[in-house]
């Protein structure tokens, strides 16, 4: 299991492989929105970030979502970042 520090420091490609994640984009651009994650029953995840997000914000959002998905402490991220979890009884969860 990775630590929060490892999630924040691994090269992105290596991190994605280790956690079974893929990246995608979304056209949702609401103020304060920085993306969402879909989780399949297989355990694979897809991290969706807004198209217009700059590279640094996108990197931080991806790492934050992975940290939260793994159930790790998010103390390394700004406290303004928050996540809502929706659990559905279907093929995917968002």
PDB file of N, CA and C in Angstrom:
ATOM      1  N   UNK A   1       0.845  -1.184   0.000  1.00  0.00           N
ATOM      2  CA  UNK A   1       0.000   0.000   0.000  1.00  0.00           C
ATOM      3  C   UNK A   1       0.886   1.242   0.000  1.00  0.00           C
ATOM      4  N   UNK A   2       0.531   2.191  -0.826  1.00  0.00           N
ATOM      5  CA  UNK A   2       1.273   3.439  -0.912  1.00  0.00           C
ATOM      6  C   UNK A   2       0.958   4.337   0.274  1.00  0.00           C
ATOM      7  N   UNK A   3       1.892   5.211   0.608  1.00  0.00           N
ATOM      8  CA  UNK A   3       1.652   6.238   1.622  1.00  0.00           C
ATOM      9  C   UNK A   3       1.229   7.522   0.912  1.00  0.00           C
ATOM     10  N   UNK A   4       0.698   8.470   1.672  1.00  0.00           N
ATOM     11  CA  UNK A   4       0.309   9.766   1.104  1.00  0.00           C
ATOM     12  C   UNK A   4       1.528  10.459   0.496  1.00  0.00           C
ATOM     13  N   UNK A   5       2.667  10.345   1.156  1.00  0.00           N
ATOM     14  CA  UNK A   5       3.893  10.961   0.636  1.00  0.00           C
ATOM     15  C   UNK A   5       4.285  10.347  -0.711  1.00  0.00           C
ATOM     16  N   UNK A   6       4.117   9.049  -0.857  1.00  0.00           N
ATOM     17  CA  UNK A   6       4.436   8.400  -2.131  1.00  0.00           C
ATOM     18  C   UNK A   6       3.468   8.848  -3.222  1.00  0.00           C
ATOM     19  N   UNK A   7       2.191   8.967  -2.893  1.00  0.00           N
ATOM     20  CA  UNK A   7       1.209   9.427  -3.879  1.00  0.00           C
ATOM     21  C   UNK A   7       1.606  10.811  -4.383  1.00  0.00           C
ATOM     22  N   UNK A   8       2.148  11.631  -3.489  1.00  0.00           N
ATOM     23  CA  UNK A   8       2.516  12.998  -3.861  1.00  0.00           C
ATOM     24  C   UNK A   8       3.859  13.098  -4.573  1.00  0.00           C
ATOM     25  N   UNK A   9       4.698  12.076  -4.453  1.00  0.00           N
ATOM     26  CA  UNK A   9       6.046  12.201  -5.007  1.00  0.00           C
ATOM     27  C   UNK A   9       6.357  11.292  -6.196  1.00  0.00           C
ATOM     28  N   UNK A  10       5.621  10.218  -6.376  1.00  0.00           N
ATOM     29  CA  UNK A  10       5.898   9.334  -7.513  1.00  0.00           C
ATOM     30  C   UNK A  10       5.653  10.057  -8.830  1.00  0.00           C
ATOM     31  N   UNK A  11       6.426   9.732  -9.865  1.00  0.00           N
ATOM     32  CA  UNK A  11       6.089  10.267 -11.191  1.00  0.00           C
ATOM     33  C   UNK A  11       4.662   9.834 -11.548  1.00  0.00           C
ATOM     34  N   UNK A  12       3.926  10.718 -12.197  1.00  0.00           N
ATOM     35  CA  UNK A  12       2.508  10.476 -12.451  1.00  0.00           C
ATOM     36  C   UNK A  12       2.258   9.139 -13.149  1.00  0.00           C
ATOM     37  N   UNK A  13       3.008   8.824 -14.178  1.00  0.00           N
ATOM     38  CA  UNK A  13       2.772   7.571 -14.907  1.00  0.00           C
ATOM     39  C   UNK A  13       2.948   6.355 -13.997  1.00  0.00           C
ATOM     40  N   UNK A  14       3.955   6.382 -13.148  1.00  0.00           N
ATOM     41  CA  UNK A  14       4.189   5.272 -12.225  1.00  0.00           C
ATOM     42  C   UNK A  14       3.053   5.176 -11.201  1.00  0.00           C
ATOM     43  N   UNK A  15       2.607   6.322 -10.699  1.00  0.00           N
ATOM     44  CA  UNK A  15       1.503   6.352  -9.746  1.00  0.00           C
ATOM     45  C   UNK A  15       0.245   5.739 -10.351  1.00  0.00           C
ATOM     46  N   UNK A  16      -0.071   6.141 -11.572  1.00  0.00           N
ATOM     47  CA  UNK A  16      -1.278   5.632 -12.229  1.00  0.00           C
ATOM     48  C   UNK A  16      -1.230   4.120 -12.393  1.00  0.00           C
ATOM     49  N   UNK A  17      -0.080   3.586 -12.759  1.00  0.00           N
ATOM     50  CA  UNK A  17       0.077   2.138 -12.918  1.00  0.00           C
ATOM     51  C   UNK A  17      -0.100   1.445 -11.569  1.00  0.00           C
ATOM     52  N   UNK A  18       0.522   1.975 -10.526  1.00  0.00           N
ATOM     53  CA  UNK A  18       0.470   1.324  -9.212  1.00  0.00           C
ATOM     54  C   UNK A  18      -0.938   1.274  -8.626  1.00  0.00           C
ATOM     55  N   UNK A  19      -1.773   2.277  -8.941  1.00  0.00           N
ATOM     56  CA  UNK A  19      -3.125   2.297  -8.364  1.00  0.00           C
ATOM     57  C   UNK A  19      -4.194   1.861  -9.352  1.00  0.00           C
ATOM     58  N   UNK A  20      -3.802   1.472 -10.550  1.00  0.00           N
ATOM     59  CA  UNK A  20      -4.770   1.021 -11.545  1.00  0.00           C
ATOM     60  C   UNK A  20      -5.694   2.132 -11.992  1.00  0.00           C
ATOM     61  N   UNK A  21      -5.118   3.292 -12.306  1.00  0.00           N
ATOM     62  CA  UNK A  21      -5.923   4.463 -12.659  1.00  0.00           C
ATOM     63  C   UNK A  21      -5.679   4.906 -14.095  1.00  0.00           C
ATOM     64  N   UNK A  22      -6.716   5.507 -14.654  1.00  0.00           N
ATOM     65  CA  UNK A  22      -6.643   6.126 -15.972  1.00  0.00           C
ATOM     66  C   UNK A  22      -7.054   7.583 -15.807  1.00  0.00           C
ATOM     67  N   UNK A  23      -6.662   8.415 -16.770  1.00  0.00           N
ATOM     68  CA  UNK A  23      -7.041   9.826 -16.745  1.00  0.00           C
ATOM     69  C   UNK A  23      -7.985  10.135 -17.890  1.00  0.00           C
ATOM     70  N   UNK A  24      -8.876  11.084 -17.640  1.00  0.00           N
ATOM     71  CA  UNK A  24      -9.800  11.569 -18.660  1.00  0.00           C
ATOM     72  C   UNK A  24     -10.128  13.016 -18.319  1.00  0.00           C
ATOM     73  N   UNK A  25     -10.858  13.674 -19.181  1.00  0.00           N
ATOM     74  CA  UNK A  25     -11.255  15.052 -18.936  1.00  0.00           C
ATOM     75  C   UNK A  25     -12.773  15.159 -18.908  1.00  0.00           C
ATOM     76  N   UNK A  26     -13.236  16.285 -18.393  1.00  0.00           N
ATOM     77  CA  UNK A  26     -14.658  16.590 -18.367  1.00  0.00           C
ATOM     78  C   UNK A  26     -14.854  18.030 -18.805  1.00  0.00           C
ATOM     79  N   UNK A  27     -16.003  18.306 -19.384  1.00  0.00           N
ATOM     80  CA  UNK A  27     -16.333  19.667 -19.799  1.00  0.00           C
ATOM     81  C   UNK A  27     -16.979  20.467 -18.667  1.00  0.00           C
ATOM     82  N   UNK A  28     -17.172  19.859 -17.507  1.00  0.00           N
ATOM     83  CA  UNK A  28     -17.736  20.577 -16.364  1.00  0.00           C
ATOM     84  C   UNK A  28     -16.718  21.607 -15.888  1.00  0.00           C
ATOM     85  N   UNK A  29     -17.144  22.861 -15.813  1.00  0.00           N
ATOM     86  CA  UNK A  29     -16.218  23.937 -15.449  1.00  0.00           C
ATOM     87  C   UNK A  29     -16.772  24.828 -14.336  1.00  0.00           C
ATOM     88  N   UNK A  30     -17.648  24.301 -13.513  1.00  0.00           N
ATOM     89  CA  UNK A  30     -18.232  25.095 -12.426  1.00  0.00           C
ATOM     90  C   UNK A  30     -17.136  25.619 -11.499  1.00  0.00           C
ATOM     91  N   UNK A  31     -17.353  26.803 -10.974  1.00  0.00           N
ATOM     92  CA  UNK A  31     -16.403  27.416 -10.058  1.00  0.00           C
ATOM     93  C   UNK A  31     -16.146  26.493  -8.868  1.00  0.00           C
ATOM     94  N   UNK A  32     -14.887  26.231  -8.565  1.00  0.00           N
ATOM     95  CA  UNK A  32     -14.522  25.382  -7.441  1.00  0.00           C
ATOM     96  C   UNK A  32     -14.527  23.892  -7.742  1.00  0.00           C
ATOM     97  N   UNK A  33     -14.955  23.516  -8.935  1.00  0.00           N
ATOM     98  CA  UNK A  33     -14.985  22.106  -9.330  1.00  0.00           C
ATOM     99  C   UNK A  33     -13.635  21.724  -9.906  1.00  0.00           C
ATOM    100  N   UNK A  34     -13.037  20.640  -9.388  1.00  0.00           N
ATOM    101  CA  UNK A  34     -11.735  20.225  -9.911  1.00  0.00           C
ATOM    102  C   UNK A  34     -11.712  18.786 -10.379  1.00  0.00           C
ATOM    103  N   UNK A  35     -12.893  18.165 -10.490  1.00  0.00           N
ATOM    104  CA  UNK A  35     -12.955  16.854 -11.105  1.00  0.00           C
ATOM    105  C   UNK A  35     -13.734  15.837 -10.300  1.00  0.00           C
ATOM    106  N   UNK A  36     -13.659  14.591 -10.779  1.00  0.00           N
ATOM    107  CA  UNK A  36     -14.329  13.483 -10.110  1.00  0.00           C
ATOM    108  C   UNK A  36     -13.659  12.182 -10.504  1.00  0.00           C
ATOM    109  N   UNK A  37     -13.993  11.141  -9.768  1.00  0.00           N
ATOM    110  CA  UNK A  37     -13.425   9.812 -10.006  1.00  0.00           C
ATOM    111  C   UNK A  37     -14.565   8.835 -10.204  1.00  0.00           C
ATOM    112  N   UNK A  38     -14.410   7.955 -11.177  1.00  0.00           N
ATOM    113  CA  UNK A  38     -15.330   6.829 -11.308  1.00  0.00           C
ATOM    114  C   UNK A  38     -14.560   5.583 -10.889  1.00  0.00           C
ATOM    115  N   UNK A  39     -15.262   4.721 -10.157  1.00  0.00           N
ATOM    116  CA  UNK A  39     -14.663   3.478  -9.655  1.00  0.00           C
ATOM    117  C   UNK A  39     -15.484   2.314 -10.187  1.00  0.00           C
ATOM    118  N   UNK A  40     -14.829   1.420 -10.880  1.00  0.00           N
ATOM    119  CA  UNK A  40     -15.511   0.240 -11.404  1.00  0.00           C
ATOM    120  C   UNK A  40     -15.462  -0.897 -10.388  1.00  0.00           C
ATOM    121  N   UNK A  41     -16.347  -1.847 -10.523  1.00  0.00           N
ATOM    122  CA  UNK A  41     -16.346  -3.004  -9.620  1.00  0.00           C
ATOM    123  C   UNK A  41     -15.013  -3.741  -9.666  1.00  0.00           C
ATOM    124  N   UNK A  42     -14.331  -3.660 -10.786  1.00  0.00           N
ATOM    125  CA  UNK A  42     -13.028  -4.313 -10.916  1.00  0.00           C
ATOM    126  C   UNK A  42     -11.964  -3.642 -10.059  1.00  0.00           C
ATOM    127  N   UNK A  43     -12.262  -2.441  -9.550  1.00  0.00           N
ATOM    128  CA  UNK A  43     -11.295  -1.696  -8.749  1.00  0.00           C
ATOM    129  C   UNK A  43     -10.550  -0.643  -9.527  1.00  0.00           C
ATOM    130  N   UNK A  44     -10.635  -0.683 -10.852  1.00  0.00           N
ATOM    131  CA  UNK A  44      -9.967   0.336 -11.666  1.00  0.00           C
ATOM    132  C   UNK A  44     -10.685   1.665 -11.493  1.00  0.00           C
ATOM    133  N   UNK A  45      -9.914   2.735 -11.513  1.00  0.00           N
ATOM    134  CA  UNK A  45     -10.505   4.060 -11.390  1.00  0.00           C
ATOM    135  C   UNK A  45     -10.143   4.918 -12.588  1.00  0.00           C
ATOM    136  N   UNK A  46     -11.002   5.893 -12.862  1.00  0.00           N
ATOM    137  CA  UNK A  46     -10.707   6.914 -13.855  1.00  0.00           C
ATOM    138  C   UNK A  46     -10.859   8.260 -13.179  1.00  0.00           C
ATOM    139  N   UNK A  47      -9.829   9.087 -13.251  1.00  0.00           N
ATOM    140  CA  UNK A  47      -9.851  10.425 -12.683  1.00  0.00           C
ATOM    141  C   UNK A  47     -10.162  11.399 -13.820  1.00  0.00           C
ATOM    142  N   UNK A  48     -11.258  12.121 -13.678  1.00  0.00           N
ATOM    143  CA  UNK A  48     -11.704  13.087 -14.680  1.00  0.00           C
ATOM    144  C   UNK A  48     -11.425  14.494 -14.148  1.00  0.00           C
ATOM    145  N   UNK A  49     -10.693  15.300 -14.909  1.00  0.00           N
ATOM    146  CA  UNK A  49     -10.422  16.674 -14.509  1.00  0.00           C
ATOM    147  C   UNK A  49     -10.920  17.623 -15.590  1.00  0.00           C
ATOM    148  N   UNK A  50     -11.307  18.854 -15.199  1.00  0.00           N
ATOM    149  CA  UNK A  50     -11.801  19.824 -16.182  1.00  0.00           C
ATOM    150  C   UNK A  50     -10.766  20.125 -17.266  1.00  0.00           C
ATOM    151  N   UNK A  51     -11.251  20.296 -18.469  1.00  0.00           N
ATOM    152  CA  UNK A  51     -10.391  20.564 -19.623  1.00  0.00           C
ATOM    153  C   UNK A  51      -9.495  21.777 -19.387  1.00  0.00           C
ATOM    154  N   UNK A  52     -10.012  22.845 -18.814  1.00  0.00           N
ATOM    155  CA  UNK A  52      -9.256  24.089 -18.665  1.00  0.00           C
ATOM    156  C   UNK A  52      -8.349  24.173 -17.459  1.00  0.00           C
ATOM    157  N   UNK A  53      -8.235  23.111 -16.668  1.00  0.00           N
ATOM    158  CA  UNK A  53      -7.403  23.140 -15.468  1.00  0.00           C
ATOM    159  C   UNK A  53      -5.932  23.227 -15.864  1.00  0.00           C
ATOM    160  N   UNK A  54      -5.174  24.132 -15.200  1.00  0.00           N
ATOM    161  CA  UNK A  54      -3.753  24.238 -15.545  1.00  0.00           C
ATOM    162  C   UNK A  54      -3.012  22.997 -15.041  1.00  0.00           C
ATOM    163  N   UNK A  55      -1.819  22.789 -15.542  1.00  0.00           N
ATOM    164  CA  UNK A  55      -1.062  21.562 -15.267  1.00  0.00           C
ATOM    165  C   UNK A  55      -0.839  21.310 -13.779  1.00  0.00           C
ATOM    166  N   UNK A  56      -0.483  22.345 -13.020  1.00  0.00           N
ATOM    167  CA  UNK A  56      -0.217  22.163 -11.594  1.00  0.00           C
ATOM    168  C   UNK A  56      -1.492  21.800 -10.834  1.00  0.00           C
ATOM    169  N   UNK A  57      -2.587  22.485 -11.144  1.00  0.00           N
ATOM    170  CA  UNK A  57      -3.865  22.191 -10.481  1.00  0.00           C
ATOM    171  C   UNK A  57      -4.340  20.794 -10.855  1.00  0.00           C
ATOM    172  N   UNK A  58      -4.146  20.416 -12.112  1.00  0.00           N
ATOM    173  CA  UNK A  58      -4.551  19.080 -12.565  1.00  0.00           C
ATOM    174  C   UNK A  58      -3.761  18.001 -11.827  1.00  0.00           C
ATOM    175  N   UNK A  59      -2.459  18.191 -11.711  1.00  0.00           N
ATOM    176  CA  UNK A  59      -1.611  17.238 -11.004  1.00  0.00           C
ATOM    177  C   UNK A  59      -2.058  17.114  -9.546  1.00  0.00           C
ATOM    178  N   UNK A  60      -2.294  18.237  -8.889  1.00  0.00           N
ATOM    179  CA  UNK A  60      -2.717  18.224  -7.490  1.00  0.00           C
ATOM    180  C   UNK A  60      -4.072  17.537  -7.333  1.00  0.00           C
ATOM    181  N   UNK A  61      -5.009  17.828  -8.233  1.00  0.00           N
ATOM    182  CA  UNK A  61      -6.341  17.216  -8.156  1.00  0.00           C
ATOM    183  C   UNK A  61      -6.248  15.701  -8.324  1.00  0.00           C
ATOM    184  N   UNK A  62      -5.483  15.242  -9.281  1.00  0.00           N
ATOM    185  CA  UNK A  62      -5.330  13.800  -9.516  1.00  0.00           C
ATOM    186  C   UNK A  62      -4.752  13.123  -8.284  1.00  0.00           C
ATOM    187  N   UNK A  63      -3.702  13.700  -7.727  1.00  0.00           N
ATOM    188  CA  UNK A  63      -3.056  13.109  -6.556  1.00  0.00           C
ATOM    189  C   UNK A  63      -3.983  13.149  -5.335  1.00  0.00           C
ATOM    190  N   UNK A  64      -4.757  14.230  -5.195  1.00  0.00           N
ATOM    191  CA  UNK A  64      -5.714  14.327  -4.094  1.00  0.00           C
ATOM    192  C   UNK A  64      -6.779  13.243  -4.217  1.00  0.00           C
ATOM    193  N   UNK A  65      -7.346  13.095  -5.409  1.00  0.00           N
ATOM    194  CA  UNK A  65      -8.369  12.068  -5.611  1.00  0.00           C
ATOM    195  C   UNK A  65      -7.826  10.670  -5.330  1.00  0.00           C
ATOM    196  N   UNK A  66      -6.619  10.390  -5.769  1.00  0.00           N
ATOM    197  CA  UNK A  66      -6.028   9.073  -5.522  1.00  0.00           C
ATOM    198  C   UNK A  66      -5.799   8.869  -4.030  1.00  0.00           C
ATOM    199  N   UNK A  67      -5.313   9.891  -3.351  1.00  0.00           N
ATOM    200  CA  UNK A  67      -5.113   9.819  -1.907  1.00  0.00           C
ATOM    201  C   UNK A  67      -6.418   9.481  -1.196  1.00  0.00           C
ATOM    202  N   UNK A  68      -7.484  10.178  -1.556  1.00  0.00           N
ATOM    203  CA  UNK A  68      -8.786   9.940  -0.934  1.00  0.00           C
ATOM    204  C   UNK A  68      -9.315   8.549  -1.295  1.00  0.00           C
ATOM    205  N   UNK A  69      -9.159   8.145  -2.550  1.00  0.00           N
ATOM    206  CA  UNK A  69      -9.617   6.825  -2.986  1.00  0.00           C
ATOM    207  C   UNK A  69      -8.932   5.716  -2.191  1.00  0.00           C
ATOM    208  N   UNK A  70      -7.646   5.892  -1.884  1.00  0.00           N
ATOM    209  CA  UNK A  70      -6.896   4.883  -1.149  1.00  0.00           C
ATOM    210  C   UNK A  70      -7.154   4.946   0.359  1.00  0.00           C
ATOM    211  N   UNK A  71      -7.920   5.944   0.796  1.00  0.00           N
ATOM    212  CA  UNK A  71      -8.224   6.071   2.219  1.00  0.00           C
ATOM    213  C   UNK A  71      -7.067   6.611   3.041  1.00  0.00           C
ATOM    214  N   UNK A  72      -6.182   7.341   2.382  1.00  0.00           N
ATOM    215  CA  UNK A  72      -5.018   7.897   3.069  1.00  0.00           C
ATOM    216  C   UNK A  72      -5.316   9.288   3.607  1.00  0.00           C
ATOM    217  N   UNK A  73      -4.498   9.739   4.524  1.00  0.00           N
ATOM    218  CA  UNK A  73      -4.628  11.087   5.067  1.00  0.00           C
ATOM    219  C   UNK A  73      -4.349  12.108   3.963  1.00  0.00           C
ATOM    220  N   UNK A  74      -5.150  13.155   3.919  1.00  0.00           N
ATOM    221  CA  UNK A  74      -4.954  14.201   2.909  1.00  0.00           C
ATOM    222  C   UNK A  74      -4.281  15.435   3.517  1.00  0.00           C
ATOM    223  N   UNK A  75      -3.517  15.231   4.596  1.00  0.00           N
ATOM    224  CA  UNK A  75      -2.875  16.341   5.297  1.00  0.00           C
ATOM    225  C   UNK A  75      -1.842  17.091   4.446  1.00  0.00           C
ATOM    226  N   UNK A  76      -1.383  16.489   3.379  1.00  0.00           N
ATOM    227  CA  UNK A  76      -0.401  17.141   2.508  1.00  0.00           C
ATOM    228  C   UNK A  76      -1.050  18.086   1.489  1.00  0.00           C
ATOM    229  N   UNK A  77      -2.379  18.141   1.472  1.00  0.00           N
ATOM    230  CA  UNK A  77      -3.113  18.969   0.523  1.00  0.00           C
ATOM    231  C   UNK A  77      -3.782  20.133   1.249  1.00  0.00           C
ATOM    232  N   UNK A  78      -4.045  21.228   0.528  1.00  0.00           N
ATOM    233  CA  UNK A  78      -4.753  22.350   1.155  1.00  0.00           C
ATOM    234  C   UNK A  78      -6.105  21.895   1.701  1.00  0.00           C
ATOM    235  N   UNK A  79      -6.480  22.408   2.854  1.00  0.00           N
ATOM    236  CA  UNK A  79      -7.735  21.994   3.488  1.00  0.00           C
ATOM    237  C   UNK A  79      -8.961  22.427   2.698  1.00  0.00           C
ATOM    238  N   UNK A  80      -8.795  23.351   1.760  1.00  0.00           N
ATOM    239  CA  UNK A  80      -9.922  23.792   0.939  1.00  0.00           C
ATOM    240  C   UNK A  80     -10.400  22.680  -0.004  1.00  0.00           C
ATOM    241  N   UNK A  81      -9.528  21.718  -0.316  1.00  0.00           N
ATOM    242  CA  UNK A  81      -9.918  20.603  -1.171  1.00  0.00           C
ATOM    243  C   UNK A  81     -10.795  19.635  -0.390  1.00  0.00           C
ATOM    244  N   UNK A  82     -11.940  19.331  -0.940  1.00  0.00           N
ATOM    245  CA  UNK A  82     -12.859  18.408  -0.297  1.00  0.00           C
ATOM    246  C   UNK A  82     -13.447  17.487  -1.354  1.00  0.00           C
ATOM    247  N   UNK A  83     -13.970  16.370  -0.886  1.00  0.00           N
ATOM    248  CA  UNK A  83     -14.531  15.390  -1.801  1.00  0.00           C
ATOM    249  C   UNK A  83     -15.882  14.921  -1.263  1.00  0.00           C
ATOM    250  N   UNK A  84     -16.806  14.688  -2.173  1.00  0.00           N
ATOM    251  CA  UNK A  84     -18.093  14.078  -1.839  1.00  0.00           C
ATOM    252  C   UNK A  84     -18.112  12.703  -2.472  1.00  0.00           C
ATOM    253  N   UNK A  85     -18.644  11.725  -1.765  1.00  0.00           N
ATOM    254  CA  UNK A  85     -18.679  10.357  -2.276  1.00  0.00           C
ATOM    255  C   UNK A  85     -20.125   9.961  -2.533  1.00  0.00           C
ATOM    256  N   UNK A  86     -20.369   9.472  -3.729  1.00  0.00           N
ATOM    257  CA  UNK A  86     -21.677   8.963  -4.111  1.00  0.00           C
ATOM    258  C   UNK A  86     -21.508   7.482  -4.381  1.00  0.00           C
ATOM    259  N   UNK A  87     -22.265   6.660  -3.718  1.00  0.00           N
ATOM    260  CA  UNK A  87     -22.152   5.218  -3.859  1.00  0.00           C
ATOM    261  C   UNK A  87     -23.421   4.699  -4.526  1.00  0.00           C
ATOM    262  N   UNK A  88     -23.265   4.147  -5.694  1.00  0.00           N
ATOM    263  CA  UNK A  88     -24.404   3.601  -6.423  1.00  0.00           C
ATOM    264  C   UNK A  88     -24.274   2.093  -6.512  1.00  0.00           C
ATOM    265  N   UNK A  89     -25.381   1.440  -6.592  1.00  0.00           N
ATOM    266  CA  UNK A  89     -25.396  -0.020  -6.717  1.00  0.00           C
ATOM    267  C   UNK A  89     -25.451  -0.437  -8.186  1.00  0.00           C
ATOM    268  N   UNK A  90     -24.581   0.142  -8.994  1.00  0.00           N
ATOM    269  CA  UNK A  90     -24.550  -0.201 -10.414  1.00  0.00           C
ATOM    270  C   UNK A  90     -23.124  -0.554 -10.802  1.00  0.00           C
ATOM    271  N   UNK A  91     -22.875  -0.646 -12.078  1.00  0.00           N
ATOM    272  CA  UNK A  91     -21.553  -1.020 -12.568  1.00  0.00           C
ATOM    273  C   UNK A  91     -20.481  -0.017 -12.131  1.00  0.00           C
ATOM    274  N   UNK A  92     -20.796   1.261 -12.173  1.00  0.00           N
ATOM    275  CA  UNK A  92     -19.820   2.297 -11.845  1.00  0.00           C
ATOM    276  C   UNK A  92     -20.273   3.091 -10.645  1.00  0.00           C
ATOM    277  N   UNK A  93     -19.306   3.681  -9.965  1.00  0.00           N
ATOM    278  CA  UNK A  93     -19.574   4.613  -8.881  1.00  0.00           C
ATOM    279  C   UNK A  93     -18.882   5.913  -9.232  1.00  0.00           C
ATOM    280  N   UNK A  94     -19.479   7.026  -8.869  1.00  0.00           N
ATOM    281  CA  UNK A  94     -18.859   8.319  -9.154  1.00  0.00           C
ATOM    282  C   UNK A  94     -18.819   9.161  -7.911  1.00  0.00           C
TER     283      UNK A  94
END
